[in-house]
Each structure stands twice: as C-alpha cells, then as structure tokens.
Amino acid sequence: MDILIWPVFVRQVNGNSLNHTALLSATVGGLTAASMLLAIPAGGISSLCLLAVLITKRPVLALAVWGGVYVPVSGLWVFPAFVGPFEYILGGLGLSIAGVIFYGGAGFISWFALRRLPVLILPTALLLAEVTAAHLGLVMAPIGLFAVDSALGAMLSMVTVYGATAFFGFAASILPRLIARPFPVMFGAMMVIGLLPAPSRPEYNGPPIFGVSHRPDALLKWSSPAYAAEMLDTLTTLSVGTAGAGLTVWPENAITSTFDLNEAVASLDPNLFPLLFGITRFERAGSPELRNSAVLVTAEGVQVSDKERLVPVIETGVPFLDHSDLHTGPRKILFLDDGTKVLPLICYEAAFILPRSDLSSHLDVIIILAAESGFAEDLAASIMRRHARARELETGIRVDRVSDIGSEFAH
C-alpha cells in the first residue's frame, strides 16, 4: 500500500462499517502472513500500522479477523505433518479458529483494561495472544520473528521474540498519531534497517557438525517398510564422505523401519559414529507407548533425549476422539566423547522459548532435528529457520538445524 492508497484506507476505516472493518482486517492479515512466509520484515512490520488504524474503531473485531487470517497462513510450517487435502483443510480451519479466539480474546482483554490508553492496546494484545498461545502449545509465528534477520535481532537477546512483538506493536500504534502516512515511513525505515548487519552468530568450538538431508517422501517413509529401509541406506551413503570427521546428524524420524531402539542402533554403520538421529521408538521393550526421540550413538554408548512438547492433534491425538500412543519424555543434554554438550530439540520444540533448566549447564550447541518434507516444504523451512535463529539470539548459544530437506550447521 503506497502513499496514494493510505488516505483511501483511512476513509474506509472511518466509514465505521462492520463489513469494511472485517474485509480490511482480513486483507491486512493476509499481508502480514505473506510477509512472514516470504521473509519480508518491512512488509510485515509496516502492516501493523494498518492494523493499528483498524483497531481504533473496532479493536476486537479487527484483531479477531486479522488473527483468523494470519495464524493459518503463518502456521503453514506445521502442514507437512498433515496428509492429504482433507487434513490440510481441517488443519487450516482449526488454526483459523484459534487465531480468532486468541487474538480476538486478547483484543477484548486489552481494550477493556487499556481503553483509556489506546496506544497500548495493540502491543498488549499481540503480546498477550502470543504468550498465551505459546504456553498452551499452539502453533503461531510470533511477529517478533521479523527481527531475526536484521540489526533488530539484537533486541531478541534482551527482550526475547515476544518482547520484539510488543515493540513492533507499540511503534505501529504510535506512528499514526505522529505522522500522516505511517505505512510508507515504517516500510522505508525497515528497509534501511534491513541493510544493516544482523548480530553475529555465537561461537562454537566443538567437533564439526555435518547435517545430512535425504528429502524423503513424507507418506512413504511411514507406510512402506521397503522405502524406509531404502531411506536408511540413502542416509548412510550420504554420510560416508564425512564419517569420522565430526558429529553426523540425521533429521527427525530419520529411521522409520523399526520402533525398536536396539534394532535401530544395530542397523547403523559404526564408522559413522558419533551419530545423532531422530526416531520414533517404543518407550521400553514390551510397551506400546512411543516416544519421539533424538538418539546419540558414540564409541562410549547410546544416549537418548525425548520430545517434551508434542504437536497438538498431530502427535497428541484429537481430544475425546482419537488416542495417541505417542507420549512426551524427558529432554536431556547429550555428551560427545570429548565432553561437548549438545541439547537436541525436535522440530516443533524449536518454536518456543527454552526454559532456564535447559540452559543451566553451559551448553556448547543446540541442534534442531526437523522434518519438513511434504506440503509447502520450502515455506515451512523458511519459518522454522527463523525460529532457530530466534532461539540462538535469545540464548547466545549456537543453534544448528538439520532438516530432511536442507540443513544449516556449524562447520
């Protein structure tokens, strides 16, 4: 939206029509979501100026509709876990309803508490919705992710991704009160800031890390034992060139030919050790309970860390309708033979701020094992990459991400 369109936008808002407000809010939500998917911080942050104008008339409606559009589009990174059009539609609808409830509800609470301080309504609502959703494990891309690839990333080390969200919301709320056309001004400022260098990555002094990506068929790796065995052979072949030169890392659910951990380890080539890989495994022999796990195999033995945060519905099952055999387990620090401390995160877990208990042991590196093959995989990977970078900025610890479609690693 350029300088000429801004007055038209304001006139539409001032018309005070429910339909106009809903339509404009949906349009702005689409703009914010598209900017998130395409990694365009200037567009996403500037769109909040439009949202700030909309909430001056109907804050709850504007935030509810905006959230209903923004959440399912920006939550596209979980769609590879769905199978087929029916699940895509239901997943998108569920995320949209969640967006309406969380942002609309946060908008109502913020308006009720702060209606005498209207400039605080938008930042408070955005912060409240994101923090509440994260606490409950809802998949939402925080607005603060727009900061990770520019000089603005420095603020994440001080206020976390949610604090960055509140900052952007406040800036977007106050700017329309100071100048006539805030959208192009904000857009230009973000473009200039985007040219400045982002904070440098934390140092990592441990063994080299080699991420291996094999781009499996998201469905066949579970439904075809022959294909699962073929993918294990593919991973082994791709890893031979760096075997013994450092830590080899395979992505989440790299091994799907068995749920038995001992059988899986026995099938590995010892020349590849140390090897960190993802597997869904039986919690113990004779038990039907499953764990989504990261397994480190070194010359000294086998260590296991389990996924502590399961993806709602996809991994936990549908409440009251569908029971899941997959359960949470303890997340643990894993040790290489030279003492290097590795904290593994399994895909979805990278979307949330790490608790102090995970960071109290002077970690050397955090490694994310992800699975992104499937629907819109490149867009999903784009958002997951920024989640990984946000965790790195917040913690000051090197974060490497190894996905089944592409990897970013330390060496």
Protein backbone atom coordinates (compact mmCIF):
# COMPACT_ATOMS: atom_id res chain seq x y z
CA MET A 1 0.00 0.00 0.00
CA ASP A 2 1.69 3.20 -1.16
CA ILE A 3 1.31 6.84 -0.19
CA LEU A 4 -1.67 7.35 -2.50
CA ILE A 5 -3.65 4.41 -1.12
CA TRP A 6 -3.19 5.33 2.56
CA PRO A 7 -5.89 8.09 2.61
CA VAL A 8 -8.37 5.72 0.95
CA PHE A 9 -7.63 3.12 3.61
CA VAL A 10 -8.24 5.64 6.40
CA ARG A 11 -11.53 6.78 4.82
CA GLN A 12 -12.70 3.17 4.63
CA VAL A 13 -11.93 2.69 8.33
CA ASN A 14 -13.66 5.92 9.26
CA GLY A 15 -16.76 4.66 7.49
CA ASN A 16 -17.22 2.53 10.62
CA SER A 17 -18.82 -0.33 8.68
CA LEU A 18 -18.58 -3.82 10.13
CA ASN A 19 -18.11 -5.27 6.67
CA HIS A 20 -15.42 -2.76 5.79
CA THR A 21 -13.56 -3.41 9.03
CA ALA A 22 -13.71 -7.18 8.59
CA LEU A 23 -12.62 -7.02 4.95
CA LEU A 24 -9.76 -4.63 5.65
CA SER A 25 -8.63 -6.66 8.66
CA ALA A 26 -8.58 -9.83 6.58
CA THR A 27 -6.56 -8.04 3.89
CA VAL A 28 -4.05 -6.77 6.42
CA GLY A 29 -3.83 -10.24 7.99
CA GLY A 30 -3.04 -11.66 4.58
CA LEU A 31 -0.36 -9.02 4.05
CA THR A 32 1.25 -9.78 7.41
CA ALA A 33 1.11 -13.54 6.81
CA ALA A 34 2.51 -13.31 3.28
CA SER A 35 5.36 -11.17 4.60
CA MET A 36 6.09 -13.80 7.25
CA LEU A 37 6.11 -16.64 4.75
CA LEU A 38 8.30 -14.77 2.27
CA ALA A 39 10.64 -13.31 4.93
CA ILE A 40 9.84 -9.66 4.14
CA PRO A 41 10.17 -7.87 7.51
CA ALA A 42 9.40 -4.41 6.09
CA GLY A 43 6.02 -5.56 4.77
CA GLY A 44 5.04 -7.46 7.91
CA ILE A 45 6.04 -4.81 10.44
CA SER A 46 4.55 -2.00 8.35
CA SER A 47 1.25 -3.86 8.05
CA LEU A 48 0.84 -3.40 11.80
CA CYS A 49 0.40 0.35 11.14
CA LEU A 50 -2.71 -0.55 9.14
CA LEU A 51 -3.91 -2.83 11.92
CA ALA A 52 -3.34 -0.05 14.46
CA VAL A 53 -5.69 2.22 12.50
CA LEU A 54 -8.32 -0.52 12.25
CA ILE A 55 -8.41 -1.17 15.99
CA THR A 56 -9.17 2.48 16.77
CA LYS A 57 -12.77 1.79 15.74
CA ARG A 58 -13.40 -1.89 16.39
CA PRO A 59 -10.43 -3.43 18.22
CA VAL A 60 -11.91 -6.83 18.98
CA LEU A 61 -13.34 -7.42 15.51
CA ALA A 62 -10.19 -6.17 13.77
CA LEU A 63 -7.85 -8.33 15.84
CA ALA A 64 -10.09 -11.41 15.62
CA VAL A 65 -10.35 -11.26 11.82
CA TRP A 66 -6.67 -10.38 11.43
CA GLY A 67 -5.71 -13.35 13.64
CA GLY A 68 -8.07 -15.67 11.78
CA VAL A 69 -6.17 -14.98 8.56
CA TYR A 70 -2.65 -14.55 9.93
CA VAL A 71 -2.42 -17.70 12.07
CA PRO A 72 -3.26 -20.41 9.49
CA VAL A 73 -1.08 -18.86 6.80
CA SER A 74 1.88 -18.16 9.08
CA GLY A 75 1.34 -21.58 10.69
CA LEU A 76 1.97 -23.26 7.35
CA TRP A 77 5.18 -24.77 8.73
CA VAL A 78 3.20 -27.50 10.52
CA PHE A 79 1.27 -28.54 7.41
CA PRO A 80 3.91 -31.07 6.27
CA ALA A 81 2.68 -33.20 9.19
CA PHE A 82 -0.78 -33.39 7.60
CA VAL A 83 -1.66 -35.98 4.98
CA GLY A 84 -3.94 -35.11 2.07
CA PRO A 85 -6.37 -32.27 1.26
CA PHE A 86 -8.89 -33.20 3.96
CA GLU A 87 -6.35 -32.79 6.75
CA TYR A 88 -4.99 -29.61 5.17
CA ILE A 89 -8.49 -28.08 5.18
CA LEU A 90 -9.29 -29.20 8.73
CA GLY A 91 -5.88 -28.07 9.97
CA GLY A 92 -6.25 -24.69 8.34
CA LEU A 93 -9.75 -24.27 9.72
CA GLY A 94 -8.61 -25.20 13.21
CA LEU A 95 -5.73 -22.74 13.07
CA SER A 96 -8.04 -20.01 11.79
CA ILE A 97 -10.49 -20.55 14.65
CA ALA A 98 -7.61 -20.49 17.09
CA GLY A 99 -6.40 -17.22 15.60
CA VAL A 100 -9.85 -15.66 16.01
CA ILE A 101 -10.13 -16.82 19.61
CA PHE A 102 -6.63 -15.92 20.75
CA TYR A 103 -6.24 -12.55 19.04
CA GLY A 104 -9.90 -11.58 19.44
CA GLY A 105 -9.84 -12.58 23.09
CA ALA A 106 -6.56 -10.78 23.70
CA GLY A 107 -8.01 -7.76 21.89
CA PHE A 108 -11.05 -7.71 24.17
CA ILE A 109 -8.98 -8.01 27.35
CA SER A 110 -6.54 -5.33 26.19
CA TRP A 111 -9.33 -2.97 25.11
CA PHE A 112 -11.23 -3.45 28.37
CA ALA A 113 -8.13 -2.83 30.51
CA LEU A 114 -6.48 -0.11 28.43
CA ARG A 115 -9.25 1.74 26.61
CA ARG A 116 -8.08 4.96 28.29
CA LEU A 117 -4.58 4.29 26.92
CA PRO A 118 -5.43 3.22 23.36
CA VAL A 119 -1.83 3.35 22.16
CA LEU A 120 -1.11 0.30 24.34
CA ILE A 121 -3.98 -1.85 23.10
CA LEU A 122 -2.25 -3.31 20.03
CA PRO A 123 1.13 -4.16 21.61
CA THR A 124 -0.57 -5.62 24.67
CA ALA A 125 -2.99 -7.69 22.61
CA LEU A 126 -0.25 -9.09 20.37
CA LEU A 127 1.95 -9.91 23.36
CA LEU A 128 -0.89 -11.49 25.33
CA ALA A 129 -2.06 -13.64 22.42
CA GLU A 130 1.42 -14.92 21.58
CA VAL A 131 2.50 -15.68 25.14
CA THR A 132 -0.78 -17.43 25.95
CA ALA A 133 -0.66 -19.48 22.75
CA ALA A 134 2.97 -20.47 23.39
CA HIS A 135 2.15 -21.55 26.94
CA LEU A 136 -0.63 -23.78 25.60
CA GLY A 137 1.47 -25.09 22.72
CA LEU A 138 -0.48 -23.51 19.86
CA VAL A 139 1.36 -23.13 16.58
CA MET A 140 1.67 -19.42 15.84
CA ALA A 141 4.52 -17.47 14.25
CA PRO A 142 5.34 -14.55 16.59
CA ILE A 143 5.52 -11.14 14.97
CA GLY A 144 8.93 -10.80 16.63
CA LEU A 145 10.35 -13.29 14.09
CA PHE A 146 10.51 -10.34 11.68
CA ALA A 147 13.51 -9.13 13.69
CA VAL A 148 15.82 -12.11 13.35
CA ASP A 149 17.49 -11.35 10.01
CA SER A 150 18.45 -7.71 10.57
CA ALA A 151 20.09 -5.45 13.12
CA LEU A 152 16.79 -5.59 15.03
CA GLY A 153 17.79 -9.10 16.06
CA ALA A 154 19.89 -7.57 18.84
CA MET A 155 16.72 -6.86 20.80
CA LEU A 156 15.87 -10.56 21.00
CA SER A 157 18.85 -11.15 23.26
CA MET A 158 17.32 -8.64 25.70
CA VAL A 159 13.55 -8.98 25.40
CA THR A 160 13.00 -12.30 23.53
CA VAL A 161 10.87 -12.71 20.43
CA TYR A 162 7.71 -11.76 22.36
CA GLY A 163 9.24 -8.54 23.58
CA ALA A 164 10.11 -7.71 19.96
CA THR A 165 6.46 -8.30 19.07
CA ALA A 166 5.33 -5.81 21.72
CA PHE A 167 7.91 -3.30 20.49
CA PHE A 168 6.69 -3.53 16.90
CA GLY A 169 3.08 -3.23 18.06
CA PHE A 170 3.83 -0.12 20.08
CA ALA A 171 5.79 1.50 17.23
CA ALA A 172 2.95 0.76 14.82
CA SER A 173 0.40 2.24 17.25
CA ILE A 174 2.24 5.46 17.98
CA LEU A 175 3.39 6.24 14.43
CA PRO A 176 -0.10 7.01 13.00
CA ARG A 177 -0.53 9.53 15.83
CA LEU A 178 2.64 11.38 14.82
CA ILE A 179 2.64 11.41 11.02
CA ALA A 180 0.05 11.41 8.26
CA ARG A 181 1.24 8.37 6.28
CA PRO A 182 2.89 5.92 8.67
CA PHE A 183 2.86 2.86 6.42
CA PRO A 184 5.38 4.08 3.82
CA VAL A 185 7.52 5.67 6.54
CA MET A 186 7.65 2.44 8.53
CA PHE A 187 8.28 0.43 5.38
CA GLY A 188 11.18 2.65 4.36
CA ALA A 189 12.69 2.60 7.85
CA MET A 190 12.54 -1.21 7.96
CA MET A 191 14.14 -1.44 4.53
CA VAL A 192 17.04 0.73 5.71
CA ILE A 193 17.43 -1.25 8.94
CA GLY A 194 17.40 -4.42 6.87
CA LEU A 195 20.58 -3.26 5.15
CA LEU A 196 22.44 -3.15 8.45
CA PRO A 197 24.26 -6.32 9.56
CA ALA A 198 22.48 -8.72 11.87
CA PRO A 199 24.15 -9.79 15.15
CA SER A 200 26.96 -12.29 14.61
CA ARG A 201 26.37 -15.93 15.40
CA PRO A 202 27.70 -17.33 18.70
CA GLU A 203 30.98 -19.19 18.54
CA TYR A 204 31.06 -22.98 18.59
CA ASN A 205 34.34 -24.71 19.38
CA GLY A 206 33.32 -28.37 19.38
CA PRO A 207 33.75 -31.04 16.70
CA PRO A 208 32.48 -30.19 13.21
CA ILE A 209 28.78 -30.87 12.65
CA PHE A 210 27.61 -32.40 9.39
CA GLY A 211 23.87 -32.30 8.71
CA VAL A 212 22.52 -34.84 6.23
CA SER A 213 19.28 -34.25 4.31
CA HIS A 214 17.68 -37.02 2.26
CA ARG A 215 14.32 -35.48 1.14
CA PRO A 216 12.08 -38.49 1.87
CA ASP A 217 8.51 -38.93 0.72
CA ALA A 218 6.58 -37.81 3.81
CA LEU A 219 3.99 -40.60 3.47
CA LEU A 220 6.03 -43.50 2.14
CA LYS A 221 8.65 -43.32 4.86
CA TRP A 222 5.94 -44.49 7.30
CA SER A 223 3.75 -46.69 5.11
CA SER A 224 6.38 -48.68 3.21
CA PRO A 225 8.96 -50.75 5.11
CA ALA A 226 10.95 -51.19 1.91
CA TYR A 227 11.06 -47.44 1.35
CA ALA A 228 12.05 -46.85 4.99
CA ALA A 229 14.97 -49.26 4.55
CA GLU A 230 15.91 -47.51 1.31
CA MET A 231 16.00 -44.14 3.09
CA LEU A 232 18.28 -45.57 5.79
CA ASP A 233 20.65 -46.73 3.04
CA THR A 234 20.44 -43.27 1.47
CA LEU A 235 21.33 -41.55 4.74
CA THR A 236 24.23 -43.93 5.27
CA THR A 237 25.58 -43.33 1.76
CA LEU A 238 25.27 -39.54 2.11
CA SER A 239 27.17 -39.67 5.41
CA VAL A 240 30.17 -41.68 4.28
CA GLY A 241 32.13 -38.69 2.99
CA THR A 242 32.37 -37.05 6.43
CA ALA A 243 32.39 -40.17 8.60
CA GLY A 244 34.81 -39.82 11.48
CA ALA A 245 35.46 -36.11 10.83
CA GLY A 246 32.96 -34.86 13.40
CA LEU A 247 29.35 -35.29 14.52
CA THR A 248 26.97 -36.56 11.83
CA VAL A 249 23.34 -35.51 12.33
CA TRP A 250 20.29 -37.03 10.67
CA PRO A 251 16.87 -35.32 10.90
CA GLU A 252 13.73 -36.09 12.88
CA ASN A 253 12.38 -39.59 12.19
CA ALA A 254 15.36 -40.45 10.03
CA ILE A 255 14.79 -44.11 10.92
CA THR A 256 11.24 -45.37 10.39
CA SER A 257 11.96 -49.01 9.57
CA THR A 258 11.61 -50.00 13.24
CA PHE A 259 10.34 -48.64 16.56
CA ASP A 260 12.85 -50.75 18.49
CA LEU A 261 15.83 -48.64 19.57
CA ASN A 262 18.25 -51.54 19.95
CA GLU A 263 17.36 -52.84 16.50
CA ALA A 264 17.80 -49.36 15.03
CA VAL A 265 21.23 -48.89 16.60
CA ALA A 266 22.31 -52.37 15.46
CA SER A 267 21.43 -51.42 11.87
CA LEU A 268 23.84 -48.47 11.86
CA ASP A 269 27.32 -48.41 10.37
CA PRO A 270 29.76 -47.96 13.32
CA ASN A 271 32.07 -45.98 11.04
CA LEU A 272 29.54 -43.13 11.17
CA PHE A 273 29.77 -42.64 14.95
CA PRO A 274 29.31 -40.23 16.58
CA LEU A 275 25.84 -40.03 15.05
CA LEU A 276 22.79 -38.08 16.23
CA PHE A 277 19.49 -39.10 14.65
CA GLY A 278 15.73 -38.95 15.15
CA ILE A 279 13.49 -41.96 15.66
CA THR A 280 10.03 -42.75 16.98
CA ARG A 281 10.69 -45.58 19.41
CA PHE A 282 9.00 -47.80 21.95
CA GLU A 283 9.38 -46.26 25.41
CA ARG A 284 10.62 -49.66 26.61
CA ALA A 285 10.53 -53.27 25.46
CA GLY A 286 7.04 -54.74 25.58
CA SER A 287 5.33 -51.34 25.92
CA PRO A 288 3.06 -49.89 23.21
CA GLU A 289 3.91 -46.35 24.31
CA LEU A 290 6.00 -44.40 21.84
CA ARG A 291 8.47 -41.55 22.18
CA ASN A 292 9.71 -39.13 19.54
CA SER A 293 13.40 -39.17 20.35
CA ALA A 294 16.83 -37.86 19.48
CA VAL A 295 19.46 -40.59 19.85
CA LEU A 296 23.21 -40.03 20.07
CA VAL A 297 25.46 -43.02 19.43
CA THR A 298 29.16 -42.64 20.20
CA ALA A 299 32.01 -45.06 20.81
CA GLU A 300 31.10 -44.96 24.50
CA GLY A 301 27.42 -45.85 24.16
CA VAL A 302 23.88 -44.70 23.41
CA GLN A 303 22.14 -41.63 24.86
CA VAL A 304 18.51 -40.67 24.37
CA SER A 305 16.60 -37.40 24.69
CA ASP A 306 12.82 -37.36 24.20
CA LYS A 307 10.49 -34.76 22.79
CA GLU A 308 8.86 -32.81 25.62
CA ARG A 309 6.37 -30.76 23.55
CA LEU A 310 4.17 -32.71 21.14
CA VAL A 311 2.38 -31.07 18.23
CA PRO A 312 -1.29 -30.63 19.20
CA VAL A 313 -3.68 -33.01 17.39
CA ILE A 314 -0.98 -34.28 15.00
CA GLU A 315 1.03 -36.03 17.72
CA THR A 316 -1.25 -35.86 20.74
CA GLY A 317 -4.39 -37.11 19.00
CA VAL A 318 -7.78 -35.40 18.81
CA PRO A 319 -9.18 -34.85 22.33
CA PHE A 320 -12.05 -37.22 23.18
CA LEU A 321 -11.96 -38.77 19.70
CA ASP A 322 -8.52 -40.18 18.99
CA HIS A 323 -5.99 -41.76 21.34
CA SER A 324 -2.30 -41.40 20.54
CA ASP A 325 0.36 -43.88 21.60
CA LEU A 326 2.94 -41.10 21.36
CA HIS A 327 3.79 -39.51 24.70
CA THR A 328 6.25 -36.94 25.99
CA GLY A 329 9.51 -37.88 27.65
CA PRO A 330 12.39 -36.07 29.35
CA ARG A 331 14.59 -33.83 27.25
CA LYS A 332 18.25 -34.41 28.13
CA ILE A 333 21.65 -32.96 27.41
CA LEU A 334 23.76 -35.36 25.34
CA PHE A 335 27.54 -35.62 25.62
CA LEU A 336 30.05 -36.32 22.90
CA ASP A 337 33.06 -38.37 23.91
CA ASP A 338 35.18 -35.22 24.19
CA GLY A 339 32.70 -33.67 26.66
CA THR A 340 30.89 -31.38 24.18
CA LYS A 341 27.37 -30.70 25.50
CA VAL A 342 24.56 -30.96 22.97
CA LEU A 343 20.92 -30.06 23.62
CA PRO A 344 18.68 -31.63 20.94
CA LEU A 345 15.34 -30.06 20.05
CA ILE A 346 12.90 -31.99 17.90
CA CYS A 347 11.25 -29.85 15.21
CA TYR A 348 8.19 -28.19 16.83
CA GLU A 349 10.08 -27.65 20.10
CA ALA A 350 12.22 -25.01 18.38
CA ALA A 351 9.18 -22.69 18.17
CA PHE A 352 9.21 -21.92 21.90
CA ILE A 353 11.49 -20.06 24.28
CA LEU A 354 13.74 -22.52 26.10
CA PRO A 355 13.25 -22.84 29.88
CA ARG A 356 16.09 -21.97 32.23
CA SER A 357 16.50 -25.64 33.17
CA ASP A 358 17.69 -26.37 29.62
CA LEU A 359 20.23 -23.56 29.67
CA SER A 360 21.78 -24.00 33.11
CA SER A 361 24.52 -26.45 32.07
CA HIS A 362 26.70 -24.21 29.86
CA LEU A 363 25.71 -25.87 26.59
CA ASP A 364 28.10 -25.90 23.65
CA VAL A 365 25.48 -26.20 20.93
CA ILE A 366 21.75 -26.67 20.39
CA ILE A 367 20.81 -28.92 17.47
CA ILE A 368 17.32 -28.97 15.97
CA LEU A 369 16.25 -32.20 14.26
CA ALA A 370 13.40 -31.28 11.91
CA ALA A 371 11.11 -32.95 9.38
CA GLU A 372 9.70 -30.59 6.75
CA SER A 373 9.10 -32.73 3.67
CA GLY A 374 5.55 -32.51 2.39
CA PHE A 375 3.16 -29.62 1.76
CA ALA A 376 4.81 -26.25 1.01
CA GLU A 377 8.08 -27.52 2.43
CA ASP A 378 10.24 -24.58 1.39
CA LEU A 379 7.90 -22.07 3.07
CA ALA A 380 7.75 -24.26 6.17
CA ALA A 381 11.54 -24.42 6.28
CA SER A 382 11.76 -20.63 5.94
CA ILE A 383 9.75 -20.06 9.11
CA MET A 384 11.50 -22.85 11.00
CA ARG A 385 14.87 -21.33 10.10
CA ARG A 386 13.80 -18.07 11.73
CA HIS A 387 12.56 -19.89 14.82
CA ALA A 388 16.01 -21.47 15.11
CA ARG A 389 17.70 -18.10 14.71
CA ALA A 390 15.40 -16.59 17.37
CA ARG A 391 16.44 -19.28 19.86
CA GLU A 392 20.09 -18.56 19.05
CA LEU A 393 19.67 -14.82 19.63
CA GLU A 394 17.73 -15.37 22.86
CA THR A 395 20.16 -17.87 24.36
CA GLY A 396 23.51 -16.71 22.98
CA ILE A 397 24.24 -20.37 22.14
CA ARG A 398 24.96 -21.67 18.65
CA VAL A 399 21.84 -23.28 17.16
CA ASP A 400 22.19 -25.62 14.16
CA ARG A 401 19.18 -27.01 12.32
CA VAL A 402 19.15 -30.28 10.40
CA SER A 403 16.05 -30.90 8.33
CA ASP A 404 15.14 -33.68 5.93
CA ILE A 405 15.03 -31.11 3.10
CA GLY A 406 18.05 -28.96 3.98
CA SER A 407 20.42 -28.16 6.82
CA GLU A 408 22.30 -25.29 8.42
CA PHE A 409 25.15 -26.42 10.63
CA ALA A 410 28.22 -25.15 12.36
CA HIS A 411 31.00 -26.39 10.05
